[in-house]
Amino acid sequence: MTMTLEGEGQYRKVPYNKKGNRYYRNEIYIPSKVAEDSGFPFEAGENVKVIVDKTNKRLIIEKKSF
């Protein structure tokens, strides 16, 4: 049986300056009730693969395989 973890997150574009230039860091907030669940598939600091599915208008995040 598959159990789905669900919560409301937020996409953020956070500005920062480096060597006099302005850049943006893109972040997706994942609620702690989702990220701290034992079924959450990622560890802090782990590299992930990010896929944009333009057809279905969704973002897919997977474990990166080396």
Protein backbone atom coordinates (compact mmCIF):
# COMPACT_ATOMS: atom_id res chain seq x y z
CA MET A 1 0.00 0.00 0.00
CA THR A 2 1.40 3.41 -1.00
CA MET A 3 1.01 6.24 1.47
CA THR A 4 1.26 9.82 0.21
CA LEU A 5 2.92 12.57 2.23
CA GLU A 6 1.31 15.94 1.57
CA GLY A 7 1.57 19.49 2.83
CA GLU A 8 1.52 23.04 1.53
CA GLY A 9 4.92 24.46 0.59
CA GLN A 10 6.16 27.58 -1.13
CA TYR A 11 8.51 28.56 -3.98
CA ARG A 12 10.83 31.43 -3.10
CA LYS A 13 13.28 33.51 -5.11
CA VAL A 14 15.73 34.93 -2.58
CA PRO A 15 18.12 37.73 -3.66
CA TYR A 16 21.72 37.86 -2.50
CA ASN A 17 24.86 39.81 -3.45
CA LYS A 18 28.23 38.29 -4.28
CA LYS A 19 31.25 40.35 -5.33
CA GLY A 20 29.01 43.32 -6.12
CA ASN A 21 26.63 41.32 -8.34
CA ARG A 22 23.02 40.48 -7.52
CA TYR A 23 21.97 36.84 -7.84
CA TYR A 24 18.90 34.84 -6.88
CA ARG A 25 18.74 31.58 -4.99
CA ASN A 26 15.64 29.54 -5.81
CA GLU A 27 14.18 27.60 -2.91
CA ILE A 28 11.23 25.30 -2.38
CA TYR A 29 10.00 25.13 1.21
CA ILE A 30 8.89 21.66 2.28
CA PRO A 31 6.79 21.62 5.46
CA SER A 32 8.45 19.93 8.43
CA LYS A 33 5.53 17.52 8.88
CA VAL A 34 6.41 16.15 5.42
CA ALA A 35 10.23 16.35 5.61
CA GLU A 36 10.44 14.78 9.09
CA ASP A 37 8.17 11.85 8.29
CA SER A 38 9.94 8.47 8.16
CA GLY A 39 8.73 8.03 4.56
CA PHE A 40 10.47 11.18 3.29
CA PRO A 41 13.03 9.94 0.73
CA PHE A 42 15.85 12.49 1.17
CA GLU A 43 18.55 13.25 3.75
CA ALA A 44 19.76 16.80 4.46
CA GLY A 45 22.58 17.78 2.09
CA GLU A 46 21.83 14.99 -0.38
CA ASN A 47 22.18 15.77 -4.10
CA VAL A 48 18.97 15.47 -6.09
CA LYS A 49 17.92 15.47 -9.74
CA VAL A 50 15.34 18.15 -10.66
CA ILE A 51 13.07 17.57 -13.66
CA VAL A 52 10.57 20.07 -15.07
CA ASP A 53 7.68 18.26 -16.77
CA LYS A 54 6.34 21.05 -19.00
CA THR A 55 3.54 18.90 -20.44
CA ASN A 56 1.96 18.13 -17.06
CA LYS A 57 3.14 21.37 -15.39
CA ARG A 58 4.90 19.67 -12.51
CA LEU A 59 8.29 19.54 -10.85
CA ILE A 60 9.84 16.15 -10.14
CA ILE A 61 12.64 15.72 -7.60
CA GLU A 62 14.45 12.37 -7.49
CA LYS A 63 17.48 10.92 -5.79
CA LYS A 64 20.51 11.51 -7.98
CA SER A 65 22.10 8.30 -9.21
CA PHE A 66 25.85 8.42 -9.83
